């Protein structure tokens, strides 16, 4: 049975904002391990862009791991390498909708 970590839930797609980073400091959510990120967009209108990002330097710099837009799909799953910090970031807004992201390991 896999374990699940929430990266963000019920996040508005109408305001650009990076969510608070989630620390990945316990097995199986440890830096360097692989996991599967699932991003859900619900009720998305307009052209929102949501990114799952990782940081290995305490949040100074962020790497884009997964990018989802309402145009590319409402649900996206991707295998990623786990970083010490991970977050959900709405970088372009839509006119309605919410998003959520989970990491399974």
N, C-alpha and C. Protein backbone atom coordinates (compact mmCIF):
# COMPACT_ATOMS: atom_id res chain seq x y z
N UNK A 1 0.84 -1.17 0.00
CA UNK A 1 0.00 0.00 0.00
C UNK A 1 0.89 1.24 0.00
N UNK A 2 0.58 2.17 -0.87
CA UNK A 2 1.40 3.37 -0.97
C UNK A 2 0.99 4.40 0.07
N UNK A 3 1.92 5.28 0.37
CA UNK A 3 1.66 6.38 1.29
C UNK A 3 1.41 7.63 0.48
N UNK A 4 0.66 8.56 1.05
CA UNK A 4 0.26 9.77 0.35
C UNK A 4 0.64 11.00 1.17
N UNK A 5 1.20 12.00 0.51
CA UNK A 5 1.50 13.27 1.16
C UNK A 5 0.78 14.37 0.39
N UNK A 6 0.10 15.25 1.09
CA UNK A 6 -0.64 16.35 0.47
C UNK A 6 0.31 17.51 0.21
N UNK A 7 0.36 17.96 -1.05
CA UNK A 7 1.15 19.14 -1.39
C UNK A 7 0.28 20.40 -1.40
N UNK A 8 -1.03 20.22 -1.56
CA UNK A 8 -1.98 21.32 -1.53
C UNK A 8 -3.37 20.83 -1.85
N UNK A 9 -4.38 21.39 -1.21
CA UNK A 9 -5.77 21.02 -1.47
C UNK A 9 -6.64 22.27 -1.52
N UNK A 10 -7.64 22.25 -2.39
CA UNK A 10 -8.61 23.35 -2.52
C UNK A 10 -7.91 24.69 -2.73
N UNK A 11 -6.87 24.70 -3.56
CA UNK A 11 -6.12 25.91 -3.85
C UNK A 11 -6.79 26.65 -5.01
N UNK A 12 -7.09 27.91 -4.82
CA UNK A 12 -7.77 28.71 -5.84
C UNK A 12 -6.90 28.88 -7.08
N UNK A 13 -7.54 28.77 -8.24
CA UNK A 13 -6.85 29.01 -9.52
C UNK A 13 -7.02 30.46 -9.97
N UNK A 14 -7.64 31.31 -9.14
CA UNK A 14 -7.89 32.69 -9.54
C UNK A 14 -6.86 33.67 -8.97
N UNK A 15 -5.87 33.18 -8.24
CA UNK A 15 -4.82 34.05 -7.70
C UNK A 15 -3.48 33.34 -7.82
N UNK A 16 -2.50 34.03 -8.37
CA UNK A 16 -1.16 33.46 -8.49
C UNK A 16 -0.51 33.45 -7.10
N UNK A 17 -0.09 32.28 -6.67
CA UNK A 17 0.53 32.17 -5.35
C UNK A 17 1.22 30.83 -5.20
N UNK A 18 2.39 30.86 -4.58
CA UNK A 18 3.09 29.63 -4.21
C UNK A 18 2.59 29.21 -2.84
N UNK A 19 2.30 27.95 -2.69
CA UNK A 19 1.84 27.43 -1.41
C UNK A 19 3.03 27.20 -0.48
N UNK A 20 2.76 27.07 0.80
CA UNK A 20 3.80 26.78 1.78
C UNK A 20 4.45 25.45 1.43
N UNK A 21 5.77 25.43 1.45
CA UNK A 21 6.51 24.22 1.10
C UNK A 21 6.25 23.12 2.13
N UNK A 22 6.25 21.88 1.64
CA UNK A 22 6.08 20.70 2.49
C UNK A 22 7.44 20.01 2.59
N UNK A 23 7.89 19.75 3.82
CA UNK A 23 9.18 19.09 4.03
C UNK A 23 9.06 17.60 3.74
N UNK A 24 10.01 17.09 3.00
CA UNK A 24 10.07 15.67 2.67
C UNK A 24 11.22 15.07 3.46
N UNK A 25 10.93 14.72 4.70
CA UNK A 25 12.02 14.31 5.59
C UNK A 25 11.80 12.97 6.28
N UNK A 26 10.83 12.20 5.81
CA UNK A 26 10.62 10.87 6.36
C UNK A 26 10.42 9.86 5.23
N UNK A 27 10.96 8.68 5.40
CA UNK A 27 10.81 7.62 4.41
C UNK A 27 9.34 7.26 4.31
N UNK A 28 8.78 7.06 3.15
CA UNK A 28 9.41 7.00 1.84
C UNK A 28 9.52 8.36 1.15
N UNK A 29 9.18 9.44 1.86
CA UNK A 29 9.24 10.78 1.27
C UNK A 29 10.57 11.44 1.62
N UNK A 30 11.65 10.87 1.18
CA UNK A 30 12.98 11.39 1.45
C UNK A 30 13.62 11.86 0.16
N UNK A 31 14.43 12.91 0.21
CA UNK A 31 15.09 13.40 -1.00
C UNK A 31 15.85 12.29 -1.72
N UNK A 32 15.68 12.28 -3.04
CA UNK A 32 16.35 11.28 -3.87
C UNK A 32 15.49 10.08 -4.18
N UNK A 33 14.45 9.82 -3.37
CA UNK A 33 13.52 8.73 -3.66
C UNK A 33 12.62 9.16 -4.81
N UNK A 34 11.98 8.21 -5.46
CA UNK A 34 11.01 8.53 -6.51
C UNK A 34 9.60 8.45 -5.95
N UNK A 35 8.73 9.26 -6.51
CA UNK A 35 7.32 9.25 -6.15
C UNK A 35 6.49 9.63 -7.35
N UNK A 36 5.18 9.51 -7.21
CA UNK A 36 4.27 9.88 -8.29
C UNK A 36 3.41 11.05 -7.82
N UNK A 37 3.49 12.15 -8.54
CA UNK A 37 2.69 13.33 -8.25
C UNK A 37 1.40 13.26 -9.06
N UNK A 38 0.28 13.53 -8.41
CA UNK A 38 -1.01 13.65 -9.10
C UNK A 38 -1.52 15.06 -8.85
N UNK A 39 -1.84 15.77 -9.92
CA UNK A 39 -2.39 17.12 -9.84
C UNK A 39 -3.78 17.10 -10.43
N UNK A 40 -4.76 17.62 -9.69
CA UNK A 40 -6.16 17.69 -10.14
C UNK A 40 -6.55 19.16 -10.29
N UNK A 41 -7.13 19.50 -11.43
CA UNK A 41 -7.76 20.82 -11.60
C UNK A 41 -9.26 20.57 -11.64
N UNK A 42 -10.03 21.31 -10.85
CA UNK A 42 -11.48 21.14 -10.78
C UNK A 42 -12.16 22.45 -11.12
N UNK A 43 -13.08 22.41 -12.07
CA UNK A 43 -13.84 23.60 -12.44
C UNK A 43 -12.99 24.69 -13.06
N UNK A 44 -11.87 24.30 -13.64
CA UNK A 44 -10.93 25.29 -14.20
C UNK A 44 -11.50 25.96 -15.44
N UNK A 45 -11.46 27.29 -15.45
CA UNK A 45 -11.81 28.05 -16.65
C UNK A 45 -10.70 29.07 -16.88
N UNK A 46 -10.60 29.54 -18.10
CA UNK A 46 -9.50 30.42 -18.44
C UNK A 46 -8.27 29.59 -18.74
N UNK A 47 -7.11 30.11 -18.44
CA UNK A 47 -5.86 29.39 -18.74
C UNK A 47 -4.93 29.35 -17.53
N UNK A 48 -5.36 28.70 -16.45
CA UNK A 48 -4.49 28.61 -15.28
C UNK A 48 -3.30 27.68 -15.54
N UNK A 49 -2.20 27.95 -14.87
CA UNK A 49 -1.03 27.08 -14.91
C UNK A 49 -0.62 26.78 -13.47
N UNK A 50 -0.45 25.49 -13.19
CA UNK A 50 -0.08 25.03 -11.86
C UNK A 50 1.21 24.22 -11.99
N UNK A 51 2.15 24.49 -11.11
CA UNK A 51 3.42 23.76 -11.13
C UNK A 51 3.66 23.09 -9.78
N UNK A 52 4.19 21.88 -9.84
CA UNK A 52 4.73 21.24 -8.65
C UNK A 52 6.22 21.48 -8.73
N UNK A 53 6.78 22.04 -7.65
CA UNK A 53 8.18 22.43 -7.65
C UNK A 53 8.92 21.79 -6.49
N UNK A 54 10.22 21.62 -6.66
CA UNK A 54 11.07 21.06 -5.62
C UNK A 54 12.27 21.95 -5.36
N UNK A 55 12.75 21.92 -4.11
CA UNK A 55 13.93 22.69 -3.74
C UNK A 55 14.84 21.83 -2.89
N UNK A 56 16.12 21.88 -3.17
CA UNK A 56 17.10 21.14 -2.37
C UNK A 56 18.00 22.08 -1.57
N UNK A 57 17.71 23.39 -1.63
CA UNK A 57 18.56 24.36 -0.92
C UNK A 57 17.77 25.21 0.08
N UNK A 58 16.78 24.60 0.70
CA UNK A 58 16.01 25.31 1.73
C UNK A 58 15.00 26.30 1.21
N UNK A 59 14.70 26.24 -0.09
CA UNK A 59 13.69 27.12 -0.67
C UNK A 59 14.23 28.35 -1.36
N UNK A 60 15.54 28.45 -1.49
CA UNK A 60 16.13 29.59 -2.20
C UNK A 60 15.84 29.51 -3.69
N UNK A 61 16.01 28.34 -4.26
CA UNK A 61 15.69 28.12 -5.68
C UNK A 61 14.73 26.95 -5.82
N UNK A 62 13.91 27.02 -6.87
CA UNK A 62 12.88 26.00 -7.11
C UNK A 62 13.02 25.45 -8.52
N UNK A 63 12.82 24.13 -8.65
CA UNK A 63 12.87 23.44 -9.93
C UNK A 63 11.45 23.00 -10.26
N UNK A 64 11.01 23.25 -11.50
CA UNK A 64 9.69 22.79 -11.94
C UNK A 64 9.75 21.29 -12.22
N UNK A 65 8.89 20.53 -11.54
CA UNK A 65 8.84 19.08 -11.71
C UNK A 65 7.69 18.65 -12.60
N UNK A 66 6.54 19.31 -12.44
CA UNK A 66 5.34 19.01 -13.22
C UNK A 66 4.63 20.32 -13.50
N UNK A 67 4.18 20.51 -14.74
CA UNK A 67 3.39 21.69 -15.10
C UNK A 67 2.07 21.23 -15.69
N UNK A 68 0.98 21.81 -15.18
CA UNK A 68 -0.36 21.44 -15.65
C UNK A 68 -1.12 22.71 -16.01
N UNK A 69 -1.79 22.69 -17.15
CA UNK A 69 -2.70 23.77 -17.52
C UNK A 69 -4.05 23.16 -17.82
N UNK A 70 -5.08 23.98 -17.80
CA UNK A 70 -6.40 23.47 -18.14
C UNK A 70 -6.43 22.95 -19.57
N UNK A 71 -5.51 23.45 -20.40
CA UNK A 71 -5.45 23.02 -21.79
C UNK A 71 -4.84 21.63 -21.91
N UNK A 72 -3.83 21.32 -21.08
CA UNK A 72 -3.15 20.02 -21.18
C UNK A 72 -3.88 18.91 -20.45
N UNK A 73 -4.84 19.24 -19.61
CA UNK A 73 -5.60 18.20 -18.94
C UNK A 73 -5.99 18.60 -17.54
N UNK A 74 -7.05 17.99 -17.04
CA UNK A 74 -7.53 18.32 -15.71
C UNK A 74 -6.92 17.45 -14.63
N UNK A 75 -6.34 16.31 -15.04
CA UNK A 75 -5.63 15.44 -14.10
C UNK A 75 -4.32 15.04 -14.76
N UNK A 76 -3.24 15.16 -14.02
CA UNK A 76 -1.95 14.76 -14.56
C UNK A 76 -1.19 13.99 -13.50
N UNK A 77 -0.61 12.85 -13.91
CA UNK A 77 0.25 12.07 -13.03
C UNK A 77 1.63 12.02 -13.66
N UNK A 78 2.65 12.13 -12.82
CA UNK A 78 4.02 12.08 -13.32
C UNK A 78 4.95 11.55 -12.23
N UNK A 79 5.90 10.72 -12.65
CA UNK A 79 6.92 10.25 -11.71
C UNK A 79 7.96 11.35 -11.55
N UNK A 80 8.33 11.61 -10.30
CA UNK A 80 9.31 12.67 -10.01
C UNK A 80 10.31 12.16 -8.98
N UNK A 81 11.44 12.83 -8.93
CA UNK A 81 12.39 12.62 -7.84
C UNK A 81 11.99 13.55 -6.70
N UNK A 82 11.95 13.01 -5.50
CA UNK A 82 11.55 13.79 -4.33
C UNK A 82 12.68 14.74 -3.94
N UNK A 83 12.30 16.00 -3.68
CA UNK A 83 13.23 17.03 -3.20
C UNK A 83 13.00 17.25 -1.71
N UNK A 84 13.94 17.90 -1.04
CA UNK A 84 13.82 18.16 0.40
C UNK A 84 12.57 18.98 0.72
N UNK A 85 12.24 19.96 -0.13
CA UNK A 85 11.01 20.74 -0.01
C UNK A 85 10.25 20.63 -1.32
N UNK A 86 8.94 20.52 -1.23
CA UNK A 86 8.10 20.50 -2.43
C UNK A 86 6.89 21.39 -2.20
N UNK A 87 6.41 21.99 -3.28
CA UNK A 87 5.25 22.89 -3.14
C UNK A 87 4.43 22.90 -4.42
N UNK A 88 3.22 23.42 -4.29
CA UNK A 88 2.31 23.66 -5.41
C UNK A 88 2.33 25.16 -5.66
N UNK A 89 2.45 25.56 -6.93
CA UNK A 89 2.57 26.98 -7.27
C UNK A 89 1.64 27.31 -8.44
N UNK A 90 0.66 28.19 -8.21
CA UNK A 90 -0.20 28.68 -9.28
C UNK A 90 0.52 29.87 -9.90
N UNK A 91 1.01 29.70 -11.14
CA UNK A 91 1.84 30.74 -11.76
C UNK A 91 1.08 31.58 -12.78
N UNK A 92 -0.03 31.08 -13.28
CA UNK A 92 -0.91 31.85 -14.18
C UNK A 92 -2.34 31.55 -13.75
N UNK A 93 -3.16 32.56 -13.69
CA UNK A 93 -4.50 32.39 -13.13
C UNK A 93 -5.56 32.13 -14.19
N UNK A 94 -6.63 31.52 -13.74
CA UNK A 94 -7.82 31.33 -14.56
C UNK A 94 -8.92 32.20 -13.99
N UNK A 95 -10.14 31.96 -14.44
CA UNK A 95 -11.27 32.75 -13.96
C UNK A 95 -12.11 32.00 -12.93
N UNK A 96 -11.84 30.72 -12.73
CA UNK A 96 -12.53 29.93 -11.72
C UNK A 96 -11.79 28.62 -11.52
N UNK A 97 -12.12 27.94 -10.43
CA UNK A 97 -11.59 26.60 -10.21
C UNK A 97 -10.63 26.49 -9.04
N UNK A 98 -10.33 25.23 -8.72
CA UNK A 98 -9.39 24.92 -7.65
C UNK A 98 -8.45 23.82 -8.12
N UNK A 99 -7.39 23.61 -7.36
CA UNK A 99 -6.48 22.53 -7.68
C UNK A 99 -6.03 21.84 -6.40
N UNK A 100 -5.52 20.63 -6.58
CA UNK A 100 -4.97 19.86 -5.47
C UNK A 100 -3.82 19.03 -6.02
N UNK A 101 -2.86 18.72 -5.17
CA UNK A 101 -1.72 17.88 -5.59
C UNK A 101 -1.32 16.97 -4.46
N UNK A 102 -0.97 15.75 -4.83
CA UNK A 102 -0.58 14.71 -3.87
C UNK A 102 0.67 14.01 -4.37
N UNK A 103 1.49 13.56 -3.44
CA UNK A 103 2.67 12.76 -3.77
C UNK A 103 2.49 11.39 -3.17
N UNK A 104 2.57 10.37 -4.00
CA UNK A 104 2.45 8.98 -3.54
C UNK A 104 3.82 8.32 -3.63
N UNK A 105 4.13 7.52 -2.64
CA UNK A 105 5.39 6.79 -2.64
C UNK A 105 5.16 5.38 -2.12
